[in-house]
Amino acid sequence: MKDFRSLNVWEKGHKITVSIYKLTQSFPKEEMYGITSQIRRASTSIPTNIAEGCGRGSDADFARFLQMSFGFANETQYLLLLCFELGYIAEENYIELNISIQEIKKMLSKLIIAIRK
């Protein structure tokens, strides 16, 4: 059993989730149950699945949860693009968050490969 907090990819996932929560506080109120909720859930699922996978009994289980985290990173990346194109986030915020998501995806990919070997 691993301590998820010791993983750099979990830390980056947690930080992006906090950033997205803060950023979405200024979204239009009519989006509260729409895109605001969806991007928050998707971003939260990145570190959540990493943490849950760390508590599983096998490397295969851990890799499966990392793969789910990767899927939520993709979902978050798309939702960030949508928010940017709808004018809900500024370009500099979009660029910064998109770079972070890309880093998380690379880290997850490398970790998945390492665990499956």
PDB file of N, CA and C in Angstrom:
ATOM      1  N   MET A   1       0.843  -1.176   0.000  1.00  0.00           N
ATOM      2  CA  MET A   1       0.000   0.000   0.000  1.00  0.00           C
ATOM      3  C   MET A   1       0.893   1.247   0.000  1.00  0.00           C
ATOM      4  N   LYS A   2       0.601   2.155  -0.907  1.00  0.00           N
ATOM      5  CA  LYS A   2       1.368   3.375  -1.094  1.00  0.00           C
ATOM      6  C   LYS A   2       0.638   4.562  -0.496  1.00  0.00           C
ATOM      7  N   ASP A   3       1.402   5.543  -0.049  1.00  0.00           N
ATOM      8  CA  ASP A   3       0.794   6.799   0.381  1.00  0.00           C
ATOM      9  C   ASP A   3       0.661   7.676  -0.854  1.00  0.00           C
ATOM     10  N   PHE A   4      -0.561   7.913  -1.271  1.00  0.00           N
ATOM     11  CA  PHE A   4      -0.804   8.669  -2.504  1.00  0.00           C
ATOM     12  C   PHE A   4      -0.187  10.059  -2.452  1.00  0.00           C
ATOM     13  N   ARG A   5      -0.073  10.629  -1.258  1.00  0.00           N
ATOM     14  CA  ARG A   5       0.479  11.978  -1.128  1.00  0.00           C
ATOM     15  C   ARG A   5       1.959  12.043  -1.489  1.00  0.00           C
ATOM     16  N   SER A   6       2.608  10.893  -1.560  1.00  0.00           N
ATOM     17  CA  SER A   6       4.029  10.872  -1.923  1.00  0.00           C
ATOM     18  C   SER A   6       4.241  10.887  -3.441  1.00  0.00           C
ATOM     19  N   LEU A   7       3.166  10.771  -4.207  1.00  0.00           N
ATOM     20  CA  LEU A   7       3.268  10.751  -5.666  1.00  0.00           C
ATOM     21  C   LEU A   7       3.147  12.162  -6.238  1.00  0.00           C
ATOM     22  N   ASN A   8       4.139  12.556  -7.033  1.00  0.00           N
ATOM     23  CA  ASN A   8       4.125  13.884  -7.651  1.00  0.00           C
ATOM     24  C   ASN A   8       2.894  14.079  -8.541  1.00  0.00           C
ATOM     25  N   VAL A   9       2.485  13.021  -9.219  1.00  0.00           N
ATOM     26  CA  VAL A   9       1.325  13.141 -10.109  1.00  0.00           C
ATOM     27  C   VAL A   9       0.049  13.398  -9.312  1.00  0.00           C
ATOM     28  N   TRP A  10      -0.061  12.814  -8.130  1.00  0.00           N
ATOM     29  CA  TRP A  10      -1.220  13.100  -7.288  1.00  0.00           C
ATOM     30  C   TRP A  10      -1.191  14.572  -6.859  1.00  0.00           C
ATOM     31  N   GLU A  11      -0.009  15.054  -6.446  1.00  0.00           N
ATOM     32  CA  GLU A  11       0.121  16.439  -6.009  1.00  0.00           C
ATOM     33  C   GLU A  11      -0.275  17.416  -7.120  1.00  0.00           C
ATOM     34  N   LYS A  12       0.177  17.149  -8.346  1.00  0.00           N
ATOM     35  CA  LYS A  12      -0.190  18.008  -9.478  1.00  0.00           C
ATOM     36  C   LYS A  12      -1.692  17.935  -9.746  1.00  0.00           C
ATOM     37  N   GLY A  13      -2.260  16.747  -9.639  1.00  0.00           N
ATOM     38  CA  GLY A  13      -3.698  16.583  -9.827  1.00  0.00           C
ATOM     39  C   GLY A  13      -4.492  17.332  -8.776  1.00  0.00           C
ATOM     40  N   HIS A  14      -4.018  17.286  -7.554  1.00  0.00           N
ATOM     41  CA  HIS A  14      -4.681  18.003  -6.464  1.00  0.00           C
ATOM     42  C   HIS A  14      -4.607  19.515  -6.702  1.00  0.00           C
ATOM     43  N   LYS A  15      -3.436  19.987  -7.097  1.00  0.00           N
ATOM     44  CA  LYS A  15      -3.264  21.426  -7.328  1.00  0.00           C
ATOM     45  C   LYS A  15      -4.158  21.931  -8.461  1.00  0.00           C
ATOM     46  N   ILE A  16      -4.268  21.160  -9.523  1.00  0.00           N
ATOM     47  CA  ILE A  16      -5.121  21.614 -10.625  1.00  0.00           C
ATOM     48  C   ILE A  16      -6.586  21.600 -10.213  1.00  0.00           C
ATOM     49  N   THR A  17      -6.970  20.663  -9.373  1.00  0.00           N
ATOM     50  CA  THR A  17      -8.344  20.623  -8.878  1.00  0.00           C
ATOM     51  C   THR A  17      -8.652  21.868  -8.049  1.00  0.00           C
ATOM     52  N   VAL A  18      -7.743  22.226  -7.164  1.00  0.00           N
ATOM     53  CA  VAL A  18      -7.925  23.431  -6.351  1.00  0.00           C
ATOM     54  C   VAL A  18      -8.014  24.662  -7.259  1.00  0.00           C
ATOM     55  N   SER A  19      -7.147  24.735  -8.257  1.00  0.00           N
ATOM     56  CA  SER A  19      -7.165  25.864  -9.198  1.00  0.00           C
ATOM     57  C   SER A  19      -8.495  25.952  -9.942  1.00  0.00           C
ATOM     58  N   ILE A  20      -9.006  24.805 -10.375  1.00  0.00           N
ATOM     59  CA  ILE A  20     -10.269  24.784 -11.113  1.00  0.00           C
ATOM     60  C   ILE A  20     -11.434  25.187 -10.205  1.00  0.00           C
ATOM     61  N   TYR A  21     -11.428  24.728  -8.968  1.00  0.00           N
ATOM     62  CA  TYR A  21     -12.485  25.147  -8.045  1.00  0.00           C
ATOM     63  C   TYR A  21     -12.480  26.661  -7.868  1.00  0.00           C
ATOM     64  N   LYS A  22     -11.301  27.240  -7.683  1.00  0.00           N
ATOM     65  CA  LYS A  22     -11.209  28.691  -7.507  1.00  0.00           C
ATOM     66  C   LYS A  22     -11.639  29.422  -8.776  1.00  0.00           C
ATOM     67  N   LEU A  23     -11.193  28.925  -9.912  1.00  0.00           N
ATOM     68  CA  LEU A  23     -11.507  29.563 -11.187  1.00  0.00           C
ATOM     69  C   LEU A  23     -13.004  29.534 -11.491  1.00  0.00           C
ATOM     70  N   THR A  24     -13.648  28.437 -11.180  1.00  0.00           N
ATOM     71  CA  THR A  24     -15.061  28.280 -11.527  1.00  0.00           C
ATOM     72  C   THR A  24     -16.001  29.039 -10.591  1.00  0.00           C
ATOM     73  N   GLN A  25     -15.475  29.601  -9.517  1.00  0.00           N
ATOM     74  CA  GLN A  25     -16.314  30.413  -8.631  1.00  0.00           C
ATOM     75  C   GLN A  25     -16.883  31.624  -9.363  1.00  0.00           C
ATOM     76  N   SER A  26     -16.185  32.056 -10.409  1.00  0.00           N
ATOM     77  CA  SER A  26     -16.645  33.237 -11.150  1.00  0.00           C
ATOM     78  C   SER A  26     -17.476  32.885 -12.390  1.00  0.00           C
ATOM     79  N   PHE A  27     -17.738  31.597 -12.615  1.00  0.00           N
ATOM     80  CA  PHE A  27     -18.541  31.199 -13.761  1.00  0.00           C
ATOM     81  C   PHE A  27     -19.979  31.693 -13.590  1.00  0.00           C
ATOM     82  N   PRO A  28     -20.699  31.843 -14.692  1.00  0.00           N
ATOM     83  CA  PRO A  28     -22.099  32.282 -14.589  1.00  0.00           C
ATOM     84  C   PRO A  28     -22.915  31.330 -13.718  1.00  0.00           C
ATOM     85  N   LYS A  29     -23.822  31.903 -12.955  1.00  0.00           N
ATOM     86  CA  LYS A  29     -24.651  31.101 -12.040  1.00  0.00           C
ATOM     87  C   LYS A  29     -25.485  30.056 -12.779  1.00  0.00           C
ATOM     88  N   GLU A  30     -25.883  30.364 -14.020  1.00  0.00           N
ATOM     89  CA  GLU A  30     -26.684  29.385 -14.766  1.00  0.00           C
ATOM     90  C   GLU A  30     -25.876  28.140 -15.134  1.00  0.00           C
ATOM     91  N   GLU A  31     -24.558  28.204 -14.970  1.00  0.00           N
ATOM     92  CA  GLU A  31     -23.694  27.046 -15.249  1.00  0.00           C
ATOM     93  C   GLU A  31     -23.407  26.203 -14.001  1.00  0.00           C
ATOM     94  N   MET A  32     -23.981  26.597 -12.866  1.00  0.00           N
ATOM     95  CA  MET A  32     -23.676  25.902 -11.620  1.00  0.00           C
ATOM     96  C   MET A  32     -23.908  24.399 -11.714  1.00  0.00           C
ATOM     97  N   TYR A  33     -24.995  24.000 -12.375  1.00  0.00           N
ATOM     98  CA  TYR A  33     -25.305  22.570 -12.481  1.00  0.00           C
ATOM     99  C   TYR A  33     -24.897  22.017 -13.848  1.00  0.00           C
ATOM    100  N   GLY A  34     -24.242  22.825 -14.627  1.00  0.00           N
ATOM    101  CA  GLY A  34     -23.770  22.413 -15.947  1.00  0.00           C
ATOM    102  C   GLY A  34     -22.264  22.249 -15.945  1.00  0.00           C
ATOM    103  N   ILE A  35     -21.620  23.119 -16.704  1.00  0.00           N
ATOM    104  CA  ILE A  35     -20.184  22.980 -16.915  1.00  0.00           C
ATOM    105  C   ILE A  35     -19.369  23.159 -15.634  1.00  0.00           C
ATOM    106  N   THR A  36     -19.837  24.002 -14.720  1.00  0.00           N
ATOM    107  CA  THR A  36     -19.110  24.192 -13.451  1.00  0.00           C
ATOM    108  C   THR A  36     -19.027  22.874 -12.700  1.00  0.00           C
ATOM    109  N   SER A  37     -20.160  22.239 -12.554  1.00  0.00           N
ATOM    110  CA  SER A  37     -20.206  20.962 -11.851  1.00  0.00           C
ATOM    111  C   SER A  37     -19.401  19.898 -12.587  1.00  0.00           C
ATOM    112  N   GLN A  38     -19.513  19.860 -13.891  1.00  0.00           N
ATOM    113  CA  GLN A  38     -18.851  18.817 -14.664  1.00  0.00           C
ATOM    114  C   GLN A  38     -17.336  18.941 -14.621  1.00  0.00           C
ATOM    115  N   ILE A  39     -16.801  20.154 -14.776  1.00  0.00           N
ATOM    116  CA  ILE A  39     -15.346  20.307 -14.765  1.00  0.00           C
ATOM    117  C   ILE A  39     -14.785  20.084 -13.361  1.00  0.00           C
ATOM    118  N   ARG A  40     -15.555  20.445 -12.355  1.00  0.00           N
ATOM    119  CA  ARG A  40     -15.109  20.173 -10.984  1.00  0.00           C
ATOM    120  C   ARG A  40     -15.056  18.678 -10.714  1.00  0.00           C
ATOM    121  N   ARG A  41     -16.083  17.967 -11.140  1.00  0.00           N
ATOM    122  CA  ARG A  41     -16.100  16.508 -10.926  1.00  0.00           C
ATOM    123  C   ARG A  41     -14.985  15.819 -11.704  1.00  0.00           C
ATOM    124  N   ALA A  42     -14.782  16.245 -12.953  1.00  0.00           N
ATOM    125  CA  ALA A  42     -13.738  15.617 -13.774  1.00  0.00           C
ATOM    126  C   ALA A  42     -12.361  15.858 -13.177  1.00  0.00           C
ATOM    127  N   SER A  43     -12.080  17.094 -12.786  1.00  0.00           N
ATOM    128  CA  SER A  43     -10.757  17.391 -12.234  1.00  0.00           C
ATOM    129  C   SER A  43     -10.539  16.700 -10.892  1.00  0.00           C
ATOM    130  N   THR A  44     -11.582  16.639 -10.076  1.00  0.00           N
ATOM    131  CA  THR A  44     -11.481  15.962  -8.784  1.00  0.00           C
ATOM    132  C   THR A  44     -11.205  14.470  -8.959  1.00  0.00           C
ATOM    133  N   SER A  45     -11.717  13.903 -10.029  1.00  0.00           N
ATOM    134  CA  SER A  45     -11.541  12.467 -10.269  1.00  0.00           C
ATOM    135  C   SER A  45     -10.102  12.099 -10.633  1.00  0.00           C
ATOM    136  N   ILE A  46      -9.313  13.067 -11.045  1.00  0.00           N
ATOM    137  CA  ILE A  46      -7.905  12.773 -11.359  1.00  0.00           C
ATOM    138  C   ILE A  46      -7.165  12.334 -10.091  1.00  0.00           C
ATOM    139  N   PRO A  47      -7.053  13.193  -9.069  1.00  0.00           N
ATOM    140  CA  PRO A  47      -6.343  12.750  -7.867  1.00  0.00           C
ATOM    141  C   PRO A  47      -7.108  11.709  -7.053  1.00  0.00           C
ATOM    142  N   THR A  48      -8.428  11.727  -7.149  1.00  0.00           N
ATOM    143  CA  THR A  48      -9.224  10.759  -6.400  1.00  0.00           C
ATOM    144  C   THR A  48      -8.929   9.332  -6.853  1.00  0.00           C
ATOM    145  N   ASN A  49      -8.860   9.120  -8.168  1.00  0.00           N
ATOM    146  CA  ASN A  49      -8.562   7.775  -8.671  1.00  0.00           C
ATOM    147  C   ASN A  49      -7.132   7.353  -8.373  1.00  0.00           C
ATOM    148  N   ILE A  50      -6.216   8.293  -8.377  1.00  0.00           N
ATOM    149  CA  ILE A  50      -4.838   7.961  -7.989  1.00  0.00           C
ATOM    150  C   ILE A  50      -4.819   7.505  -6.535  1.00  0.00           C
ATOM    151  N   ALA A  51      -5.496   8.261  -5.663  1.00  0.00           N
ATOM    152  CA  ALA A  51      -5.544   7.908  -4.243  1.00  0.00           C
ATOM    153  C   ALA A  51      -6.207   6.550  -4.030  1.00  0.00           C
ATOM    154  N   GLU A  52      -7.318   6.322  -4.709  1.00  0.00           N
ATOM    155  CA  GLU A  52      -8.015   5.041  -4.544  1.00  0.00           C
ATOM    156  C   GLU A  52      -7.159   3.887  -5.046  1.00  0.00           C
ATOM    157  N   GLY A  53      -6.475   4.092  -6.170  1.00  0.00           N
ATOM    158  CA  GLY A  53      -5.618   3.042  -6.710  1.00  0.00           C
ATOM    159  C   GLY A  53      -4.485   2.673  -5.776  1.00  0.00           C
ATOM    160  N   CYS A  54      -3.975   3.660  -5.042  1.00  0.00           N
ATOM    161  CA  CYS A  54      -2.904   3.387  -4.077  1.00  0.00           C
ATOM    162  C   CYS A  54      -3.367   2.466  -2.959  1.00  0.00           C
ATOM    163  N   GLY A  55      -4.643   2.474  -2.687  1.00  0.00           N
ATOM    164  CA  GLY A  55      -5.180   1.638  -1.624  1.00  0.00           C
ATOM    165  C   GLY A  55      -5.572   0.249  -2.073  1.00  0.00           C
ATOM    166  N   ARG A  56      -5.410  -0.043  -3.338  1.00  0.00           N
ATOM    167  CA  ARG A  56      -5.769  -1.360  -3.856  1.00  0.00           C
ATOM    168  C   ARG A  56      -4.644  -2.351  -3.629  1.00  0.00           C
ATOM    169  N   GLY A  57      -4.968  -3.612  -3.742  1.00  0.00           N
ATOM    170  CA  GLY A  57      -4.042  -4.662  -3.365  1.00  0.00           C
ATOM    171  C   GLY A  57      -3.031  -5.087  -4.402  1.00  0.00           C
ATOM    172  N   SER A  58      -3.202  -4.699  -5.636  1.00  0.00           N
ATOM    173  CA  SER A  58      -2.275  -5.189  -6.656  1.00  0.00           C
ATOM    174  C   SER A  58      -1.869  -4.075  -7.606  1.00  0.00           C
ATOM    175  N   ASP A  59      -0.765  -4.307  -8.296  1.00  0.00           N
ATOM    176  CA  ASP A  59      -0.303  -3.352  -9.303  1.00  0.00           C
ATOM    177  C   ASP A  59      -1.306  -3.245 -10.453  1.00  0.00           C
ATOM    178  N   ALA A  60      -1.947  -4.356 -10.788  1.00  0.00           N
ATOM    179  CA  ALA A  60      -2.934  -4.334 -11.864  1.00  0.00           C
ATOM    180  C   ALA A  60      -4.103  -3.417 -11.501  1.00  0.00           C
ATOM    181  N   ASP A  61      -4.563  -3.513 -10.261  1.00  0.00           N
ATOM    182  CA  ASP A  61      -5.639  -2.620  -9.803  1.00  0.00           C
ATOM    183  C   ASP A  61      -5.184  -1.167  -9.814  1.00  0.00           C
ATOM    184  N   PHE A  62      -3.973  -0.930  -9.331  1.00  0.00           N
ATOM    185  CA  PHE A  62      -3.434   0.427  -9.303  1.00  0.00           C
ATOM    186  C   PHE A  62      -3.363   1.002 -10.718  1.00  0.00           C
ATOM    187  N   ALA A  63      -2.867   0.204 -11.658  1.00  0.00           N
ATOM    188  CA  ALA A  63      -2.765   0.650 -13.053  1.00  0.00           C
ATOM    189  C   ALA A  63      -4.141   0.960 -13.638  1.00  0.00           C
ATOM    190  N   ARG A  64      -5.135   0.172 -13.275  1.00  0.00           N
ATOM    191  CA  ARG A  64      -6.499   0.401 -13.768  1.00  0.00           C
ATOM    192  C   ARG A  64      -7.026   1.750 -13.276  1.00  0.00           C
ATOM    193  N   PHE A  65      -6.788   2.071 -12.015  1.00  0.00           N
ATOM    194  CA  PHE A  65      -7.235   3.356 -11.479  1.00  0.00           C
ATOM    195  C   PHE A  65      -6.441   4.518 -12.069  1.00  0.00           C
ATOM    196  N   LEU A  66      -5.161   4.293 -12.355  1.00  0.00           N
ATOM    197  CA  LEU A  66      -4.371   5.329 -13.028  1.00  0.00           C
ATOM    198  C   LEU A  66      -4.916   5.575 -14.430  1.00  0.00           C
ATOM    199  N   GLN A  67      -5.342   4.518 -15.095  1.00  0.00           N
ATOM    200  CA  GLN A  67      -5.918   4.658 -16.430  1.00  0.00           C
ATOM    201  C   GLN A  67      -7.228   5.458 -16.367  1.00  0.00           C
ATOM    202  N   MET A  68      -8.028   5.225 -15.340  1.00  0.00           N
ATOM    203  CA  MET A  68      -9.254   6.010 -15.174  1.00  0.00           C
ATOM    204  C   MET A  68      -8.907   7.479 -14.916  1.00  0.00           C
ATOM    205  N   SER A  69      -7.880   7.712 -14.121  1.00  0.00           N
ATOM    206  CA  SER A  69      -7.428   9.068 -13.860  1.00  0.00           C
ATOM    207  C   SER A  69      -7.008   9.747 -15.153  1.00  0.00           C
ATOM    208  N   PHE A  70      -6.343   9.008 -16.029  1.00  0.00           N
ATOM    209  CA  PHE A  70      -5.936   9.536 -17.333  1.00  0.00           C
ATOM    210  C   PHE A  70      -7.161   9.951 -18.146  1.00  0.00           C
ATOM    211  N   GLY A  71      -8.195   9.145 -18.112  1.00  0.00           N
ATOM    212  CA  GLY A  71      -9.432   9.472 -18.818  1.00  0.00           C
ATOM    213  C   GLY A  71     -10.060  10.755 -18.289  1.00  0.00           C
ATOM    214  N   PHE A  72     -10.059  10.923 -16.977  1.00  0.00           N
ATOM    215  CA  PHE A  72     -10.602  12.154 -16.398  1.00  0.00           C
ATOM    216  C   PHE A  72      -9.726  13.358 -16.716  1.00  0.00           C
ATOM    217  N   ALA A  73      -8.422  13.144 -16.868  1.00  0.00           N
ATOM    218  CA  ALA A  73      -7.532  14.236 -17.292  1.00  0.00           C
ATOM    219  C   ALA A  73      -7.910  14.684 -18.705  1.00  0.00           C
ATOM    220  N   ASN A  74      -8.207  13.726 -19.573  1.00  0.00           N
ATOM    221  CA  ASN A  74      -8.663  14.075 -20.926  1.00  0.00           C
ATOM    222  C   ASN A  74      -9.986  14.848 -20.877  1.00  0.00           C
ATOM    223  N   GLU A  75     -10.900  14.396 -20.053  1.00  0.00           N
ATOM    224  CA  GLU A  75     -12.184  15.078 -19.927  1.00  0.00           C
ATOM    225  C   GLU A  75     -11.980  16.507 -19.422  1.00  0.00           C
ATOM    226  N   THR A  76     -11.137  16.669 -18.430  1.00  0.00           N
ATOM    227  CA  THR A  76     -10.843  17.997 -17.890  1.00  0.00           C
ATOM    228  C   THR A  76     -10.221  18.887 -18.950  1.00  0.00           C
ATOM    229  N   GLN A  77      -9.316  18.317 -19.727  1.00  0.00           N
ATOM    230  CA  GLN A  77      -8.653  19.088 -20.785  1.00  0.00           C
ATOM    231  C   GLN A  77      -9.675  19.599 -21.803  1.00  0.00           C
ATOM    232  N   TYR A  78     -10.606  18.752 -22.186  1.00  0.00           N
ATOM    233  CA  TYR A  78     -11.644  19.201 -23.123  1.00  0.00           C
ATOM    234  C   TYR A  78     -12.522  20.289 -22.500  1.00  0.00           C
ATOM    235  N   LEU A  79     -12.930  20.079 -21.250  1.00  0.00           N
ATOM    236  CA  LEU A  79     -13.798  21.055 -20.602  1.00  0.00           C
ATOM    237  C   LEU A  79     -13.105  22.406 -20.427  1.00  0.00           C
ATOM    238  N   LEU A  80     -11.806  22.391 -20.202  1.00  0.00           N
ATOM    239  CA  LEU A  80     -11.055  23.651 -20.152  1.00  0.00           C
ATOM    240  C   LEU A  80     -11.112  24.369 -21.495  1.00  0.00           C
ATOM    241  N   LEU A  81     -10.953  23.615 -22.579  1.00  0.00           N
ATOM    242  CA  LEU A  81     -11.045  24.196 -23.919  1.00  0.00           C
ATOM    243  C   LEU A  81     -12.435  24.800 -24.134  1.00  0.00           C
ATOM    244  N   LEU A  82     -13.455  24.073 -23.755  1.00  0.00           N
ATOM    245  CA  LEU A  82     -14.820  24.561 -23.902  1.00  0.00           C
ATOM    246  C   LEU A  82     -15.026  25.844 -23.096  1.00  0.00           C
ATOM    247  N   CYS A  83     -14.565  25.853 -21.854  1.00  0.00           N
ATOM    248  CA  CYS A  83     -14.702  27.041 -21.005  1.00  0.00           C
ATOM    249  C   CYS A  83     -13.979  28.234 -21.608  1.00  0.00           C
ATOM    250  N   PHE A  84     -12.809  27.982 -22.177  1.00  0.00           N
ATOM    251  CA  PHE A  84     -12.057  29.060 -22.819  1.00  0.00           C
ATOM    252  C   PHE A  84     -12.823  29.599 -24.022  1.00  0.00           C
ATOM    253  N   GLU A  85     -13.318  28.698 -24.851  1.00  0.00           N
ATOM    254  CA  GLU A  85     -14.026  29.131 -26.063  1.00  0.00           C
ATOM    255  C   GLU A  85     -15.366  29.799 -25.756  1.00  0.00           C
ATOM    256  N   LEU A  86     -15.948  29.496 -24.607  1.00  0.00           N
ATOM    257  CA  LEU A  86     -17.185  30.161 -24.187  1.00  0.00           C
ATOM    258  C   LEU A  86     -16.898  31.502 -23.509  1.00  0.00           C
ATOM    259  N   GLY A  87     -15.620  31.784 -23.295  1.00  0.00           N
ATOM    260  CA  GLY A  87     -15.234  33.049 -22.673  1.00  0.00           C
ATOM    261  C   GLY A  87     -15.319  33.054 -21.159  1.00  0.00           C
ATOM    262  N   TYR A  88     -15.372  31.858 -20.542  1.00  0.00           N
ATOM    263  CA  TYR A  88     -15.464  31.767 -19.087  1.00  0.00           C
ATOM    264  C   TYR A  88     -14.102  31.885 -18.405  1.00  0.00           C
ATOM    265  N   ILE A  89     -13.038  31.565 -19.140  1.00  0.00           N
ATOM    266  CA  ILE A  89     -11.695  31.698 -18.573  1.00  0.00           C
ATOM    267  C   ILE A  89     -10.811  32.470 -19.542  1.00  0.00           C
ATOM    268  N   ALA A  90      -9.873  33.198 -18.971  1.00  0.00           N
ATOM    269  CA  ALA A  90      -8.943  33.996 -19.760  1.00  0.00           C
ATOM    270  C   ALA A  90      -7.915  33.091 -20.433  1.00  0.00           C
ATOM    271  N   GLU A  91      -7.346  33.583 -21.510  1.00  0.00           N
ATOM    272  CA  GLU A  91      -6.386  32.799 -22.275  1.00  0.00           C
ATOM    273  C   GLU A  91      -5.195  32.359 -21.433  1.00  0.00           C
ATOM    274  N   GLU A  92      -4.669  33.254 -20.594  1.00  0.00           N
ATOM    275  CA  GLU A  92      -3.501  32.878 -19.785  1.00  0.00           C
ATOM    276  C   GLU A  92      -3.835  31.776 -18.793  1.00  0.00           C
ATOM    277  N   ASN A  93      -5.044  31.792 -18.232  1.00  0.00           N
ATOM    278  CA  ASN A  93      -5.469  30.707 -17.342  1.00  0.00           C
ATOM    279  C   ASN A  93      -5.621  29.408 -18.110  1.00  0.00           C
ATOM    280  N   TYR A  94      -6.215  29.498 -19.291  1.00  0.00           N
ATOM    281  CA  TYR A  94      -6.388  28.303 -20.124  1.00  0.00           C
ATOM    282  C   TYR A  94      -5.035  27.685 -20.458  1.00  0.00           C
ATOM    283  N   ILE A  95      -4.098  28.499 -20.908  1.00  0.00           N
ATOM    284  CA  ILE A  95      -2.775  27.995 -21.294  1.00  0.00           C
ATOM    285  C   ILE A  95      -2.083  27.337 -20.107  1.00  0.00           C
ATOM    286  N   GLU A  96      -2.095  27.999 -18.970  1.00  0.00           N
ATOM    287  CA  GLU A  96      -1.442  27.466 -17.764  1.00  0.00           C
ATOM    288  C   GLU A  96      -2.052  26.135 -17.335  1.00  0.00           C
ATOM    289  N   LEU A  97      -3.375  26.071 -17.291  1.00  0.00           N
ATOM    290  CA  LEU A  97      -4.050  24.839 -16.871  1.00  0.00           C
ATOM    291  C   LEU A  97      -3.879  23.728 -17.901  1.00  0.00           C
ATOM    292  N   ASN A  98      -3.893  24.079 -19.171  1.00  0.00           N
ATOM    293  CA  ASN A  98      -3.711  23.072 -20.218  1.00  0.00           C
ATOM    294  C   ASN A  98      -2.308  22.465 -20.140  1.00  0.00           C
ATOM    295  N   ILE A  99      -1.313  23.291 -19.893  1.00  0.00           N
ATOM    296  CA  ILE A  99       0.057  22.777 -19.730  1.00  0.00           C
ATOM    297  C   ILE A  99       0.117  21.822 -18.540  1.00  0.00           C
ATOM    298  N   SER A 100      -0.525  22.195 -17.436  1.00  0.00           N
ATOM    299  CA  SER A 100      -0.542  21.329 -16.252  1.00  0.00           C
ATOM    300  C   SER A 100      -1.212  19.994 -16.544  1.00  0.00           C
ATOM    301  N   ILE A 101      -2.322  20.024 -17.269  1.00  0.00           N
ATOM    302  CA  ILE A 101      -3.022  18.781 -17.615  1.00  0.00           C
ATOM    303  C   ILE A 101      -2.130  17.905 -18.504  1.00  0.00           C
ATOM    304  N   GLN A 102      -1.452  18.515 -19.447  1.00  0.00           N
ATOM    305  CA  GLN A 102      -0.553  17.749 -20.319  1.00  0.00           C
ATOM    306  C   GLN A 102       0.561  17.088 -19.503  1.00  0.00           C
ATOM    307  N   GLU A 103       1.099  17.810 -18.524  1.00  0.00           N
ATOM    308  CA  GLU A 103       2.129  17.242 -17.649  1.00  0.00           C
ATOM    309  C   GLU A 103       1.582  16.063 -16.855  1.00  0.00           C
ATOM    310  N   ILE A 104       0.379  16.227 -16.320  1.00  0.00           N
ATOM    311  CA  ILE A 104      -0.255  15.148 -15.561  1.00  0.00           C
ATOM    312  C   ILE A 104      -0.446  13.923 -16.441  1.00  0.00           C
ATOM    313  N   LYS A 105      -0.915  14.119 -17.653  1.00  0.00           N
ATOM    314  CA  LYS A 105      -1.128  12.992 -18.568  1.00  0.00           C
ATOM    315  C   LYS A 105       0.187  12.271 -18.881  1.00  0.00           C
ATOM    316  N   LYS A 106       1.260  13.019 -19.090  1.00  0.00           N
ATOM    317  CA  LYS A 106       2.570  12.400 -19.344  1.00  0.00           C
ATOM    318  C   LYS A 106       3.030  11.597 -18.130  1.00  0.00           C
ATOM    319  N   MET A 107       2.856  12.175 -16.951  1.00  0.00           N
ATOM    320  CA  MET A 107       3.262  11.487 -15.728  1.00  0.00           C
ATOM    321  C   MET A 107       2.441  10.217 -15.514  1.00  0.00           C
ATOM    322  N   LEU A 108       1.138  10.316 -15.729  1.00  0.00           N
ATOM    323  CA  LEU A 108       0.287   9.137 -15.585  1.00  0.00           C
ATOM    324  C   LEU A 108       0.679   8.050 -16.574  1.00  0.00           C
ATOM    325  N   SER A 109       0.926   8.450 -17.802  1.00  0.00           N
ATOM    326  CA  SER A 109       1.304   7.489 -18.837  1.00  0.00           C
ATOM    327  C   SER A 109       2.585   6.749 -18.450  1.00  0.00           C
ATOM    328  N   LYS A 110       3.579   7.479 -18.005  1.00  0.00           N
ATOM    329  CA  LYS A 110       4.844   6.857 -17.598  1.00  0.00           C
ATOM    330  C   LYS A 110       4.659   5.937 -16.397  1.00  0.00           C
ATOM    331  N   LEU A 111       3.840   6.366 -15.447  1.00  0.00           N
ATOM    332  CA  LEU A 111       3.592   5.545 -14.259  1.00  0.00           C
ATOM    333  C   LEU A 111       2.834   4.277 -14.617  1.00  0.00           C
ATOM    334  N   ILE A 112       1.856   4.382 -15.488  1.00  0.00           N
ATOM    335  CA  ILE A 112       1.105   3.204 -15.928  1.00  0.00           C
ATOM    336  C   ILE A 112       2.036   2.203 -16.605  1.00  0.00           C
ATOM    337  N   ILE A 113       2.893   2.678 -17.484  1.00  0.00           N
ATOM    338  CA  ILE A 113       3.844   1.806 -18.171  1.00  0.00           C
ATOM    339  C   ILE A 113       4.775   1.132 -17.169  1.00  0.00           C
ATOM    340  N   ALA A 114       5.292   1.889 -16.212  1.00  0.00           N
ATOM    341  CA  ALA A 114       6.213   1.342 -15.213  1.00  0.00           C
ATOM    342  C   ALA A 114       5.546   0.274 -14.350  1.00  0.00           C
ATOM    343  N   ILE A 115       4.308   0.507 -13.978  1.00  0.00           N
ATOM    344  CA  ILE A 115       3.605  -0.450 -13.115  1.00  0.00           C
ATOM    345  C   ILE A 115       3.245  -1.723 -13.859  1.00  0.00           C
ATOM    346  N   ARG A 116       2.926  -1.600 -15.132  1.00  0.00           N
ATOM    347  CA  ARG A 116       2.523  -2.777 -15.902  1.00  0.00           C
ATOM    348  C   ARG A 116       3.702  -3.658 -16.310  1.00  0.00           C
ATOM    349  N   LYS A 117       4.921  -3.166 -16.143  1.00  0.00           N
ATOM    350  CA  LYS A 117       6.100  -3.984 -16.512  1.00  0.00           C
ATOM    351  C   LYS A 117       6.370  -5.054 -15.468  1.00  0.00           C
TER     352      LYS A 117
END
